[in-house]
Amino acid sequence: MKAIGINGSPRKGWNTDLMVQEALKGAASKGAETELIHLYDLTFKGCVSCFECKRKDGPSLGHCAHQDDLTGVLKKGVLCDLLILGSPIYLGEVTAGMRAFIERFTFQYITYRKDGSTFNQRRIPTGFIYTMNVSEELLTKIGYDNKFKFYEDRFNQIIGPSKTVYATETWQTRDYSKYEMSMFDEAERKQRHETVFPVDLKRAFDMAASLV
């Protein structure tokens, strides 16, 4: 069994990356072979709408035809047994890199057939991980929970069964005084990182283990 973790954060060693790594440890605890991929190490675009993945009898039917650094990652995603997708929330959305990956990975399977069937021949469990500045209360108030459900629903429909975990009010930098960030309490965020974030990591571990 192979589990692939996709870190959609540009920041290695920080919240999202750490949670994806912990999720992979959860998969490994159930015997899975794991691999971590950092999207921001790669150069790629989102879907270019060439429709080659839907051309009847075409060489790329059911697969993305666009060639760039993401091509190999998409192939690994198609063959894996568990997919972990991690992203911070920027301006109410996943990062541009993660959004581009999701476009390329899911659109290749979508058809416009009347029966609604897809090209996907095997169900791939997917775990979503999100990190963000906002509180749990504000998350619901501004509709992030609906956004997370949207991605879960699309993957349930196109890829396979999906689950979500997230971390709120994350620690953003080791020295808040260097930046225009006076709305945050640095000491409070640091304390939360030391006491609450370990619980978030455990939740990521348990989610992945449950999906294997």
Foldseek 3Di string as FASTA:
>chain_A
DEEEEEQADPDDPFQQNLLSVLLQVLLVVVPHHYDYDYLVVFDDFADPPPCQCCPVVHPNPLADPDDGRCRVVLVCVLPGQEYEYTAEADPLHGDNSSVRSVRRNQVSFFDPDPVRGTNRPDAHEYEYEYEYQADPVVCVVVPSVVVVVVVQVSCVSGHHHYDYAYYYNAQDDPDCVVDPPVVDDNVVNVVCCVPVSVVSSVVSSNVSNVSD
